[in-house]
Amino acid sequence: MITTLEELQLHTERWAVEAPIIAKYILLASPGYSKEQLAKLTESLPGISESYLDCVAKLKLKSVMLNGFSLWPEWLGEKSDMLDEIIYANTSYKNPLLKLYQSKKLYEVASYEGDSICIASTITDEPGYVYWLDRSSGPDIEINRMCDSFEKFLLCAGNLQDVATKHHDEDNKESAVREFVEALKVMQLDDEETKSWESIAIMSL
């Protein structure tokens, strides 16, 4: 069970050792961005949550994936700066979801299998909450609440990766899904948030 960012880092270090070929896509290194570097993000995206800023100050999220979650928006390529990608994703009209983001006051900060993972602006009723925008739900994109902070999002994704690693060679995935849902109880998610994560677990485990 992963309950802190420090524990999550330790787990990614172990996973990187076990799979050195893909280590750079697994390892959460630190530190992340400095306060000075983050200034351009807060200037470009007013109302971006402190929880998100704290996480990207502590951890290097660029290129890291946790069981299908890309911890950055994949827009400008491998060699680009992550902050530039975030700004681009949330300001460029080449992003077909930009108007939706603006109307809902959301910022895209990560992705899941082509779906957007967004955080709510601090001027919303749920500041800093994390949402999964499910594009497979049809022309009207389904917006699913996941948790109340980006740190909690990372911990949930880390626990999903942990369960997937433990059960990767099993044919029956029901026990893995149950184990993950049990782990979510420590995160104090509500029913809607738990349902979102359970749906992802069923697809990915």
N, C-alpha and C. Protein backbone atom coordinates (compact mmCIF):
# COMPACT_ATOMS: atom_id res chain seq x y z
N MET A 1 0.84 -1.20 0.00
CA MET A 1 0.00 0.00 0.00
C MET A 1 0.88 1.25 0.00
N ILE A 2 0.66 2.12 -0.95
CA ILE A 2 1.43 3.35 -1.09
C ILE A 2 0.59 4.51 -0.56
N THR A 3 1.10 5.22 0.45
CA THR A 3 0.30 6.27 1.08
C THR A 3 0.97 7.64 1.05
N THR A 4 2.23 7.72 0.62
CA THR A 4 2.93 9.00 0.54
C THR A 4 3.72 9.08 -0.76
N LEU A 5 4.08 10.29 -1.15
CA LEU A 5 4.90 10.45 -2.36
C LEU A 5 6.27 9.82 -2.18
N GLU A 6 6.78 9.85 -0.95
CA GLU A 6 8.08 9.24 -0.68
C GLU A 6 8.02 7.73 -0.92
N GLU A 7 6.95 7.11 -0.45
CA GLU A 7 6.77 5.67 -0.70
C GLU A 7 6.62 5.39 -2.19
N LEU A 8 5.91 6.25 -2.87
CA LEU A 8 5.74 6.07 -4.32
C LEU A 8 7.09 6.14 -5.03
N GLN A 9 7.92 7.09 -4.64
CA GLN A 9 9.26 7.18 -5.24
C GLN A 9 10.05 5.90 -5.02
N LEU A 10 10.01 5.38 -3.80
CA LEU A 10 10.74 4.15 -3.49
C LEU A 10 10.24 2.98 -4.34
N HIS A 11 8.94 2.91 -4.54
CA HIS A 11 8.39 1.85 -5.38
C HIS A 11 8.86 1.99 -6.82
N THR A 12 8.89 3.22 -7.34
CA THR A 12 9.33 3.40 -8.72
C THR A 12 10.81 3.07 -8.87
N GLU A 13 11.59 3.32 -7.83
CA GLU A 13 13.01 2.95 -7.87
C GLU A 13 13.15 1.44 -7.98
N ARG A 14 12.34 0.71 -7.23
CA ARG A 14 12.38 -0.76 -7.29
C ARG A 14 11.92 -1.26 -8.66
N TRP A 15 10.84 -0.69 -9.17
CA TRP A 15 10.35 -1.11 -10.49
C TRP A 15 11.39 -0.83 -11.57
N ALA A 16 12.10 0.29 -11.45
CA ALA A 16 13.12 0.65 -12.44
C ALA A 16 14.28 -0.35 -12.42
N VAL A 17 14.64 -0.82 -11.23
CA VAL A 17 15.71 -1.81 -11.11
C VAL A 17 15.27 -3.14 -11.73
N GLU A 18 14.01 -3.50 -11.51
CA GLU A 18 13.49 -4.76 -12.03
C GLU A 18 13.31 -4.73 -13.55
N ALA A 19 13.13 -3.54 -14.11
CA ALA A 19 12.92 -3.40 -15.56
C ALA A 19 13.81 -2.28 -16.10
N PRO A 20 15.13 -2.49 -16.13
CA PRO A 20 16.06 -1.41 -16.50
C PRO A 20 15.86 -0.86 -17.90
N ILE A 21 15.36 -1.67 -18.82
CA ILE A 21 15.18 -1.22 -20.20
C ILE A 21 14.18 -0.06 -20.27
N ILE A 22 13.19 -0.08 -19.40
CA ILE A 22 12.18 0.98 -19.42
C ILE A 22 12.26 1.84 -18.16
N ALA A 23 13.42 1.85 -17.52
CA ALA A 23 13.56 2.55 -16.24
C ALA A 23 13.17 4.02 -16.32
N LYS A 24 13.52 4.70 -17.40
CA LYS A 24 13.25 6.14 -17.48
C LYS A 24 11.76 6.43 -17.60
N TYR A 25 10.98 5.41 -17.96
CA TYR A 25 9.54 5.60 -18.05
C TYR A 25 8.82 5.19 -16.76
N ILE A 26 9.58 4.75 -15.78
CA ILE A 26 9.01 4.27 -14.53
C ILE A 26 9.46 5.10 -13.34
N LEU A 27 10.70 5.56 -13.37
CA LEU A 27 11.33 6.18 -12.20
C LEU A 27 10.85 7.61 -11.99
N LEU A 28 10.38 7.89 -10.79
CA LEU A 28 10.05 9.25 -10.37
C LEU A 28 11.25 9.82 -9.63
N ALA A 29 12.01 10.65 -10.31
CA ALA A 29 13.20 11.26 -9.71
C ALA A 29 12.81 12.59 -9.06
N SER A 30 13.75 13.15 -8.31
CA SER A 30 13.52 14.45 -7.68
C SER A 30 14.84 15.23 -7.62
N PRO A 31 14.81 16.55 -7.46
CA PRO A 31 13.59 17.36 -7.40
C PRO A 31 13.03 17.62 -8.78
N GLY A 32 11.87 18.30 -8.80
CA GLY A 32 11.25 18.67 -10.05
C GLY A 32 11.65 20.09 -10.44
N TYR A 33 10.66 20.92 -10.68
CA TYR A 33 10.92 22.30 -11.11
C TYR A 33 11.09 23.24 -9.92
N SER A 34 11.89 24.27 -10.12
CA SER A 34 12.09 25.29 -9.09
C SER A 34 10.92 26.26 -9.07
N LYS A 35 10.84 27.04 -8.00
CA LYS A 35 9.79 28.05 -7.88
C LYS A 35 9.87 29.05 -9.03
N GLU A 36 11.10 29.39 -9.41
CA GLU A 36 11.30 30.33 -10.51
C GLU A 36 10.82 29.75 -11.83
N GLN A 37 11.10 28.47 -12.06
CA GLN A 37 10.66 27.82 -13.29
C GLN A 37 9.13 27.71 -13.35
N LEU A 38 8.52 27.45 -12.19
CA LEU A 38 7.07 27.29 -12.15
C LEU A 38 6.32 28.60 -12.33
N ALA A 39 7.03 29.71 -12.21
CA ALA A 39 6.38 31.02 -12.35
C ALA A 39 5.72 31.17 -13.71
N LYS A 40 6.37 30.63 -14.76
CA LYS A 40 5.77 30.78 -16.10
C LYS A 40 4.48 29.98 -16.23
N LEU A 41 4.38 28.90 -15.44
CA LEU A 41 3.15 28.10 -15.47
C LEU A 41 2.02 28.85 -14.78
N THR A 42 2.29 29.43 -13.63
CA THR A 42 1.25 30.16 -12.90
C THR A 42 0.84 31.43 -13.65
N GLU A 43 1.77 32.01 -14.39
CA GLU A 43 1.43 33.20 -15.18
C GLU A 43 0.56 32.84 -16.38
N SER A 44 0.87 31.71 -17.01
CA SER A 44 0.13 31.30 -18.21
C SER A 44 -1.21 30.65 -17.88
N LEU A 45 -1.27 29.96 -16.74
CA LEU A 45 -2.48 29.23 -16.36
C LEU A 45 -2.94 29.69 -14.98
N PRO A 46 -3.56 30.86 -14.89
CA PRO A 46 -3.99 31.38 -13.59
C PRO A 46 -4.99 30.44 -12.91
N GLY A 47 -4.80 30.25 -11.62
CA GLY A 47 -5.70 29.37 -10.88
C GLY A 47 -5.29 27.92 -10.87
N ILE A 48 -4.12 27.59 -11.40
CA ILE A 48 -3.66 26.20 -11.34
C ILE A 48 -3.37 25.85 -9.88
N SER A 49 -3.72 24.66 -9.46
CA SER A 49 -3.77 24.34 -8.03
C SER A 49 -2.39 24.19 -7.40
N GLU A 50 -2.33 24.54 -6.11
CA GLU A 50 -1.10 24.41 -5.35
C GLU A 50 -0.68 22.95 -5.22
N SER A 51 -1.64 22.05 -5.11
CA SER A 51 -1.32 20.63 -5.00
C SER A 51 -0.53 20.16 -6.21
N TYR A 52 -0.96 20.61 -7.39
CA TYR A 52 -0.23 20.23 -8.60
C TYR A 52 1.16 20.85 -8.61
N LEU A 53 1.25 22.12 -8.28
CA LEU A 53 2.55 22.81 -8.27
C LEU A 53 3.50 22.15 -7.27
N ASP A 54 2.98 21.75 -6.11
CA ASP A 54 3.81 21.08 -5.11
C ASP A 54 4.38 19.77 -5.67
N CYS A 55 3.54 19.03 -6.38
CA CYS A 55 3.99 17.74 -6.92
C CYS A 55 5.06 17.91 -7.99
N VAL A 56 4.87 18.87 -8.89
CA VAL A 56 5.86 19.04 -9.95
C VAL A 56 7.13 19.73 -9.44
N ALA A 57 7.05 20.32 -8.26
CA ALA A 57 8.27 20.85 -7.62
C ALA A 57 9.06 19.72 -6.97
N LYS A 58 8.35 18.70 -6.48
CA LYS A 58 9.01 17.58 -5.80
C LYS A 58 9.51 16.51 -6.77
N LEU A 59 8.76 16.28 -7.85
CA LEU A 59 9.02 15.12 -8.70
C LEU A 59 9.15 15.50 -10.17
N LYS A 60 9.99 14.74 -10.88
CA LYS A 60 10.11 14.87 -12.33
C LYS A 60 9.11 13.92 -12.98
N LEU A 61 8.03 14.47 -13.52
CA LEU A 61 6.95 13.66 -14.06
C LEU A 61 7.08 13.38 -15.55
N LYS A 62 7.85 14.19 -16.25
CA LYS A 62 7.99 14.05 -17.70
C LYS A 62 8.45 12.65 -18.09
N SER A 63 7.74 12.03 -19.01
CA SER A 63 8.04 10.72 -19.59
C SER A 63 7.70 9.55 -18.67
N VAL A 64 7.20 9.82 -17.46
CA VAL A 64 6.89 8.74 -16.52
C VAL A 64 5.45 8.27 -16.73
N MET A 65 5.28 6.94 -16.70
CA MET A 65 3.96 6.34 -16.86
C MET A 65 3.69 5.39 -15.71
N LEU A 66 2.46 5.41 -15.21
CA LEU A 66 2.03 4.50 -14.16
C LEU A 66 0.79 3.75 -14.65
N ASN A 67 0.99 2.53 -15.09
CA ASN A 67 -0.08 1.65 -15.55
C ASN A 67 -1.07 2.34 -16.49
N GLY A 68 -0.54 2.93 -17.54
CA GLY A 68 -1.37 3.56 -18.55
C GLY A 68 -1.53 5.06 -18.40
N PHE A 69 -1.21 5.59 -17.22
CA PHE A 69 -1.28 7.03 -17.00
C PHE A 69 0.05 7.68 -17.40
N SER A 70 -0.01 8.57 -18.36
CA SER A 70 1.14 9.41 -18.67
C SER A 70 1.05 10.63 -17.76
N LEU A 71 2.09 10.91 -17.00
CA LEU A 71 2.02 11.95 -15.97
C LEU A 71 2.32 13.33 -16.51
N TRP A 72 2.14 13.51 -17.80
CA TRP A 72 2.30 14.81 -18.46
C TRP A 72 1.44 14.77 -19.73
N PRO A 73 1.03 15.91 -20.26
CA PRO A 73 0.25 15.90 -21.50
C PRO A 73 1.17 15.71 -22.71
N GLU A 74 0.92 14.70 -23.49
CA GLU A 74 1.82 14.34 -24.60
C GLU A 74 1.46 15.14 -25.85
N TRP A 75 2.04 16.32 -25.98
CA TRP A 75 1.70 17.18 -27.11
C TRP A 75 2.89 17.54 -27.99
N LEU A 76 4.03 17.85 -27.39
CA LEU A 76 5.12 18.44 -28.16
C LEU A 76 6.32 17.51 -28.37
N GLY A 77 6.24 16.29 -27.86
CA GLY A 77 7.33 15.35 -28.13
C GLY A 77 8.26 15.13 -26.95
N GLU A 78 9.06 14.10 -27.09
CA GLU A 78 9.93 13.62 -26.01
C GLU A 78 10.92 14.67 -25.52
N LYS A 79 11.45 15.49 -26.41
CA LYS A 79 12.52 16.42 -26.03
C LYS A 79 12.00 17.76 -25.52
N SER A 80 10.72 17.96 -25.54
CA SER A 80 10.16 19.25 -25.11
C SER A 80 10.15 19.36 -23.59
N ASP A 81 10.04 20.58 -23.12
CA ASP A 81 9.91 20.83 -21.68
C ASP A 81 8.47 20.58 -21.26
N MET A 82 8.28 19.93 -20.11
CA MET A 82 6.93 19.57 -19.68
C MET A 82 6.06 20.80 -19.45
N LEU A 83 6.62 21.85 -18.88
CA LEU A 83 5.83 23.05 -18.62
C LEU A 83 5.34 23.66 -19.93
N ASP A 84 6.18 23.62 -20.96
CA ASP A 84 5.76 24.12 -22.27
C ASP A 84 4.61 23.28 -22.83
N GLU A 85 4.67 21.97 -22.59
CA GLU A 85 3.61 21.08 -23.07
C GLU A 85 2.29 21.39 -22.36
N ILE A 86 2.36 21.63 -21.06
CA ILE A 86 1.15 21.93 -20.30
C ILE A 86 0.54 23.24 -20.77
N ILE A 87 1.38 24.24 -20.96
CA ILE A 87 0.89 25.53 -21.44
C ILE A 87 0.27 25.39 -22.83
N TYR A 88 0.94 24.65 -23.70
CA TYR A 88 0.43 24.42 -25.06
C TYR A 88 -0.92 23.71 -25.02
N ALA A 89 -1.00 22.66 -24.22
CA ALA A 89 -2.24 21.87 -24.16
C ALA A 89 -3.43 22.70 -23.72
N ASN A 90 -3.17 23.74 -22.93
CA ASN A 90 -4.25 24.51 -22.34
C ASN A 90 -4.44 25.90 -22.94
N THR A 91 -3.68 26.20 -24.00
CA THR A 91 -3.83 27.51 -24.64
C THR A 91 -3.93 27.42 -26.16
N SER A 92 -3.50 26.30 -26.75
CA SER A 92 -3.49 26.18 -28.21
C SER A 92 -4.83 25.68 -28.74
N TYR A 93 -5.33 26.34 -29.77
CA TYR A 93 -6.58 25.89 -30.38
C TYR A 93 -6.39 24.65 -31.25
N LYS A 94 -5.16 24.16 -31.34
CA LYS A 94 -4.93 22.86 -31.98
C LYS A 94 -5.43 21.72 -31.08
N ASN A 95 -5.64 22.03 -29.81
CA ASN A 95 -6.24 21.06 -28.90
C ASN A 95 -7.76 21.11 -29.08
N PRO A 96 -8.36 20.05 -29.61
CA PRO A 96 -9.81 20.09 -29.89
C PRO A 96 -10.68 20.22 -28.64
N LEU A 97 -10.10 19.98 -27.47
CA LEU A 97 -10.88 20.07 -26.23
C LEU A 97 -10.69 21.40 -25.51
N LEU A 98 -9.98 22.33 -26.13
CA LEU A 98 -9.66 23.58 -25.44
C LEU A 98 -10.91 24.33 -24.99
N LYS A 99 -11.91 24.43 -25.86
CA LYS A 99 -13.13 25.16 -25.49
C LYS A 99 -13.85 24.48 -24.32
N LEU A 100 -13.82 23.16 -24.30
CA LEU A 100 -14.41 22.43 -23.17
C LEU A 100 -13.65 22.75 -21.89
N TYR A 101 -12.32 22.71 -21.96
CA TYR A 101 -11.52 23.04 -20.79
C TYR A 101 -11.85 24.44 -20.28
N GLN A 102 -11.95 25.38 -21.19
CA GLN A 102 -12.20 26.76 -20.80
C GLN A 102 -13.58 26.91 -20.17
N SER A 103 -14.57 26.23 -20.72
CA SER A 103 -15.93 26.34 -20.18
C SER A 103 -16.05 25.70 -18.80
N LYS A 104 -15.29 24.63 -18.58
CA LYS A 104 -15.35 23.92 -17.30
C LYS A 104 -14.25 24.38 -16.33
N LYS A 105 -13.38 25.27 -16.81
CA LYS A 105 -12.26 25.77 -16.01
C LYS A 105 -11.36 24.62 -15.54
N LEU A 106 -10.95 23.82 -16.53
CA LEU A 106 -10.07 22.68 -16.29
C LEU A 106 -8.74 22.90 -16.99
N TYR A 107 -7.69 22.29 -16.43
CA TYR A 107 -6.37 22.30 -17.06
C TYR A 107 -5.92 20.86 -17.30
N GLU A 108 -5.54 20.56 -18.53
CA GLU A 108 -5.01 19.23 -18.85
C GLU A 108 -3.58 19.12 -18.35
N VAL A 109 -3.31 18.09 -17.54
CA VAL A 109 -1.96 17.93 -16.98
C VAL A 109 -1.39 16.53 -17.19
N ALA A 110 -2.23 15.58 -17.64
CA ALA A 110 -1.77 14.20 -17.83
C ALA A 110 -2.74 13.53 -18.79
N SER A 111 -2.54 12.23 -19.01
CA SER A 111 -3.45 11.51 -19.91
C SER A 111 -3.53 10.05 -19.51
N TYR A 112 -4.59 9.40 -20.01
CA TYR A 112 -4.76 7.97 -19.79
C TYR A 112 -5.26 7.35 -21.09
N GLU A 113 -4.39 6.62 -21.77
CA GLU A 113 -4.77 5.90 -22.99
C GLU A 113 -5.51 6.81 -23.97
N GLY A 114 -5.02 8.03 -24.15
CA GLY A 114 -5.64 8.96 -25.08
C GLY A 114 -6.69 9.86 -24.46
N ASP A 115 -7.13 9.55 -23.25
CA ASP A 115 -8.07 10.41 -22.54
C ASP A 115 -7.32 11.46 -21.75
N SER A 116 -7.97 12.59 -21.52
CA SER A 116 -7.33 13.68 -20.78
C SER A 116 -7.53 13.51 -19.27
N ILE A 117 -6.49 13.82 -18.52
CA ILE A 117 -6.59 13.94 -17.07
C ILE A 117 -6.41 15.42 -16.75
N CYS A 118 -7.40 16.01 -16.11
CA CYS A 118 -7.40 17.45 -15.87
C CYS A 118 -7.55 17.77 -14.39
N ILE A 119 -7.10 18.97 -14.03
CA ILE A 119 -7.34 19.48 -12.68
C ILE A 119 -8.19 20.73 -12.78
N ALA A 120 -9.04 20.92 -11.78
CA ALA A 120 -9.94 22.07 -11.77
C ALA A 120 -9.20 23.31 -11.28
N SER A 121 -9.52 24.43 -11.90
CA SER A 121 -8.96 25.71 -11.47
C SER A 121 -9.40 26.04 -10.05
N THR A 122 -8.64 26.88 -9.39
CA THR A 122 -8.98 27.28 -8.02
C THR A 122 -10.21 28.18 -7.96
N ILE A 123 -10.71 28.64 -9.11
CA ILE A 123 -11.91 29.48 -9.10
C ILE A 123 -13.18 28.66 -9.30
N THR A 124 -13.08 27.34 -9.27
CA THR A 124 -14.25 26.47 -9.38
C THR A 124 -14.75 26.09 -7.99
N ASP A 125 -15.87 25.36 -7.97
CA ASP A 125 -16.41 24.88 -6.69
C ASP A 125 -15.60 23.73 -6.12
N GLU A 126 -14.79 23.09 -6.96
CA GLU A 126 -13.96 21.96 -6.51
C GLU A 126 -12.51 22.22 -6.91
N PRO A 127 -11.88 23.22 -6.32
CA PRO A 127 -10.52 23.61 -6.72
C PRO A 127 -9.51 22.49 -6.51
N GLY A 128 -8.72 22.24 -7.56
CA GLY A 128 -7.66 21.24 -7.45
C GLY A 128 -8.11 19.81 -7.64
N TYR A 129 -9.42 19.59 -7.80
CA TYR A 129 -9.91 18.22 -8.02
C TYR A 129 -9.41 17.70 -9.37
N VAL A 130 -9.24 16.39 -9.44
CA VAL A 130 -8.74 15.74 -10.66
C VAL A 130 -9.89 15.02 -11.36
N TYR A 131 -9.93 15.17 -12.69
CA TYR A 131 -11.00 14.59 -13.50
C TYR A 131 -10.43 13.79 -14.66
N TRP A 132 -11.13 12.71 -14.99
CA TRP A 132 -10.82 11.88 -16.15
C TRP A 132 -11.88 12.16 -17.21
N LEU A 133 -11.44 12.65 -18.37
CA LEU A 133 -12.35 12.95 -19.47
C LEU A 133 -12.36 11.77 -20.43
N ASP A 134 -13.41 10.98 -20.35
CA ASP A 134 -13.52 9.73 -21.10
C ASP A 134 -14.05 10.00 -22.51
N ARG A 135 -13.16 9.96 -23.49
CA ARG A 135 -13.55 10.23 -24.88
C ARG A 135 -14.34 9.08 -25.49
N SER A 136 -14.22 7.88 -24.92
CA SER A 136 -14.91 6.72 -25.49
C SER A 136 -16.40 6.72 -25.15
N SER A 137 -16.83 7.67 -24.34
CA SER A 137 -18.23 7.70 -23.90
C SER A 137 -19.18 8.24 -24.96
N GLY A 138 -18.63 8.70 -26.11
CA GLY A 138 -19.47 9.21 -27.18
C GLY A 138 -19.18 10.66 -27.48
N PRO A 139 -20.04 11.30 -28.30
CA PRO A 139 -19.78 12.69 -28.68
C PRO A 139 -19.78 13.65 -27.49
N ASP A 140 -20.58 13.33 -26.48
CA ASP A 140 -20.56 14.13 -25.25
C ASP A 140 -19.58 13.49 -24.27
N ILE A 141 -18.41 14.09 -24.16
CA ILE A 141 -17.35 13.51 -23.33
C ILE A 141 -17.78 13.44 -21.87
N GLU A 142 -17.61 12.27 -21.29
CA GLU A 142 -17.97 12.06 -19.89
C GLU A 142 -16.85 12.56 -18.98
N ILE A 143 -17.19 13.42 -18.03
CA ILE A 143 -16.21 13.97 -17.10
C ILE A 143 -16.38 13.27 -15.76
N ASN A 144 -15.39 12.48 -15.38
CA ASN A 144 -15.45 11.65 -14.18
C ASN A 144 -14.51 12.19 -13.10
N ARG A 145 -15.06 12.47 -11.94
CA ARG A 145 -14.22 12.94 -10.84
C ARG A 145 -13.40 11.79 -10.27
N MET A 146 -12.10 12.03 -10.02
CA MET A 146 -11.19 10.98 -9.55
C MET A 146 -10.75 11.16 -8.10
N CYS A 147 -10.46 12.39 -7.70
CA CYS A 147 -9.98 12.65 -6.34
C CYS A 147 -9.85 14.15 -6.13
N ASP A 148 -9.52 14.54 -4.91
CA ASP A 148 -9.53 15.97 -4.58
C ASP A 148 -8.18 16.66 -4.67
N SER A 149 -7.14 15.96 -5.12
CA SER A 149 -5.83 16.62 -5.28
C SER A 149 -4.96 15.81 -6.24
N PHE A 150 -3.98 16.48 -6.83
CA PHE A 150 -3.09 15.78 -7.75
C PHE A 150 -2.18 14.81 -7.01
N GLU A 151 -1.81 15.14 -5.78
CA GLU A 151 -1.01 14.20 -5.00
C GLU A 151 -1.76 12.89 -4.79
N LYS A 152 -3.03 12.99 -4.45
CA LYS A 152 -3.83 11.78 -4.25
C LYS A 152 -3.97 11.01 -5.56
N PHE A 153 -4.07 11.72 -6.67
CA PHE A 153 -4.11 11.07 -7.98
C PHE A 153 -2.85 10.23 -8.21
N LEU A 154 -1.69 10.81 -7.91
CA LEU A 154 -0.43 10.07 -8.08
C LEU A 154 -0.40 8.83 -7.20
N LEU A 155 -0.89 8.95 -5.97
CA LEU A 155 -0.88 7.81 -5.05
C LEU A 155 -1.82 6.71 -5.54
N CYS A 156 -2.99 7.08 -6.02
CA CYS A 156 -3.92 6.08 -6.55
C CYS A 156 -3.33 5.39 -7.79
N ALA A 157 -2.74 6.18 -8.69
CA ALA A 157 -2.12 5.61 -9.88
C ALA A 157 -0.95 4.71 -9.49
N GLY A 158 -0.20 5.10 -8.47
CA GLY A 158 0.91 4.29 -8.00
C GLY A 158 0.44 2.96 -7.43
N ASN A 159 -0.65 2.98 -6.68
CA ASN A 159 -1.20 1.73 -6.15
C ASN A 159 -1.75 0.85 -7.26
N LEU A 160 -2.30 1.46 -8.30
CA LEU A 160 -2.75 0.67 -9.45
C LEU A 160 -1.57 -0.01 -10.12
N GLN A 161 -0.47 0.71 -10.29
CA GLN A 161 0.75 0.13 -10.86
C GLN A 161 1.28 -0.99 -9.97
N ASP A 162 1.24 -0.78 -8.66
CA ASP A 162 1.74 -1.78 -7.72
C ASP A 162 0.93 -3.07 -7.82
N VAL A 163 -0.39 -2.95 -7.85
CA VAL A 163 -1.25 -4.13 -7.97
C VAL A 163 -1.03 -4.81 -9.32
N ALA A 164 -0.90 -4.03 -10.37
CA ALA A 164 -0.67 -4.60 -11.70
C ALA A 164 0.64 -5.38 -11.75
N THR A 165 1.67 -4.85 -11.08
CA THR A 165 2.97 -5.52 -11.05
C THR A 165 2.88 -6.85 -10.31
N LYS A 166 2.14 -6.87 -9.21
CA LYS A 166 2.00 -8.10 -8.41
C LYS A 166 1.22 -9.18 -9.15
N HIS A 167 0.24 -8.77 -9.95
CA HIS A 167 -0.68 -9.74 -10.57
C HIS A 167 -0.50 -9.87 -12.08
N HIS A 168 0.66 -9.43 -12.59
CA HIS A 168 0.81 -9.35 -14.05
C HIS A 168 0.74 -10.70 -14.75
N ASP A 169 1.05 -11.80 -14.05
CA ASP A 169 1.08 -13.11 -14.69
C ASP A 169 -0.16 -13.94 -14.36
N GLU A 170 -1.20 -13.30 -13.84
CA GLU A 170 -2.42 -14.02 -13.49
C GLU A 170 -3.47 -13.85 -14.58
N ASP A 171 -4.22 -14.92 -14.85
CA ASP A 171 -5.29 -14.86 -15.84
C ASP A 171 -6.56 -14.24 -15.26
N ASN A 172 -6.85 -14.55 -14.01
CA ASN A 172 -8.04 -14.02 -13.36
C ASN A 172 -7.70 -12.68 -12.71
N LYS A 173 -8.24 -11.62 -13.26
CA LYS A 173 -7.90 -10.28 -12.77
C LYS A 173 -8.86 -9.77 -11.69
N GLU A 174 -9.89 -10.55 -11.37
CA GLU A 174 -10.88 -10.07 -10.40
C GLU A 174 -10.25 -9.82 -9.04
N SER A 175 -9.34 -10.69 -8.63
CA SER A 175 -8.69 -10.50 -7.32
C SER A 175 -7.82 -9.25 -7.32
N ALA A 176 -7.20 -8.95 -8.46
CA ALA A 176 -6.38 -7.74 -8.55
C ALA A 176 -7.25 -6.49 -8.43
N VAL A 177 -8.39 -6.50 -9.10
CA VAL A 177 -9.30 -5.35 -9.01
C VAL A 177 -9.79 -5.18 -7.58
N ARG A 178 -10.14 -6.28 -6.93
CA ARG A 178 -10.60 -6.21 -5.53
C ARG A 178 -9.52 -5.65 -4.62
N GLU A 179 -8.28 -6.10 -4.83
CA GLU A 179 -7.17 -5.61 -4.01
C GLU A 179 -6.98 -4.11 -4.20
N PHE A 180 -7.09 -3.66 -5.44
CA PHE A 180 -6.92 -2.23 -5.71
C PHE A 180 -8.05 -1.41 -5.09
N VAL A 181 -9.28 -1.86 -5.24
CA VAL A 181 -10.42 -1.14 -4.66
C VAL A 181 -10.29 -1.09 -3.14
N GLU A 182 -9.79 -2.14 -2.54
CA GLU A 182 -9.56 -2.15 -1.09
C GLU A 182 -8.52 -1.11 -0.71
N ALA A 183 -7.47 -0.99 -1.52
CA ALA A 183 -6.43 0.00 -1.25
C ALA A 183 -6.97 1.42 -1.34
N LEU A 184 -7.96 1.62 -2.20
CA LEU A 184 -8.53 2.96 -2.37
C LEU A 184 -9.22 3.46 -1.11
N LYS A 185 -9.65 2.55 -0.24
CA LYS A 185 -10.36 2.97 0.97
C LYS A 185 -9.51 3.89 1.84
N VAL A 186 -8.20 3.64 1.84
CA VAL A 186 -7.29 4.47 2.63
C VAL A 186 -7.24 5.90 2.07
N MET A 187 -7.53 6.05 0.78
CA MET A 187 -7.47 7.36 0.14
C MET A 187 -8.70 8.22 0.43
N GLN A 188 -9.69 7.63 1.09
CA GLN A 188 -10.91 8.36 1.48
C GLN A 188 -11.59 9.01 0.28
N LEU A 189 -11.79 8.20 -0.76
CA LEU A 189 -12.51 8.66 -1.93
C LEU A 189 -14.01 8.49 -1.71
N ASP A 190 -14.81 9.31 -2.39
CA ASP A 190 -16.25 9.11 -2.31
C ASP A 190 -16.66 8.06 -3.35
N ASP A 191 -17.95 7.75 -3.40
CA ASP A 191 -18.43 6.67 -4.27
C ASP A 191 -18.16 6.96 -5.74
N GLU A 192 -18.36 8.21 -6.16
CA GLU A 192 -18.14 8.57 -7.56
C GLU A 192 -16.67 8.41 -7.94
N GLU A 193 -15.78 8.85 -7.07
CA GLU A 193 -14.34 8.75 -7.33
C GLU A 193 -13.89 7.30 -7.36
N THR A 194 -14.39 6.51 -6.42
CA THR A 194 -14.05 5.08 -6.38
C THR A 194 -14.51 4.38 -7.66
N LYS A 195 -15.70 4.74 -8.13
CA LYS A 195 -16.23 4.14 -9.36
C LYS A 195 -15.34 4.45 -10.55
N SER A 196 -14.83 5.68 -10.62
CA SER A 196 -13.94 6.06 -11.72
C SER A 196 -12.68 5.19 -11.73
N TRP A 197 -12.06 5.05 -10.57
CA TRP A 197 -10.84 4.26 -10.47
C TRP A 197 -11.11 2.77 -10.71
N GLU A 198 -12.24 2.28 -10.23
CA GLU A 198 -12.57 0.87 -10.45
C GLU A 198 -12.77 0.60 -11.94
N SER A 199 -13.39 1.54 -12.65
CA SER A 199 -13.57 1.38 -14.10
C SER A 199 -12.23 1.28 -14.82
N ILE A 200 -11.29 2.12 -14.41
CA ILE A 200 -9.96 2.09 -15.02
C ILE A 200 -9.24 0.79 -14.66
N ALA A 201 -9.39 0.35 -13.41
CA ALA A 201 -8.74 -0.90 -12.98
C ALA A 201 -9.26 -2.08 -13.79
N ILE A 202 -10.55 -2.13 -14.02
CA ILE A 202 -11.14 -3.23 -14.80
C ILE A 202 -10.57 -3.25 -16.21
N MET A 203 -10.34 -2.08 -16.79
CA MET A 203 -9.78 -2.00 -18.14
C MET A 203 -8.30 -2.33 -18.19
N SER A 204 -7.56 -1.97 -17.14
CA SER A 204 -6.10 -2.00 -17.25
C SER A 204 -5.42 -3.17 -16.54
N LEU A 205 -6.08 -3.80 -15.59
CA LEU A 205 -5.43 -4.88 -14.85
C LEU A 205 -5.58 -6.23 -15.56
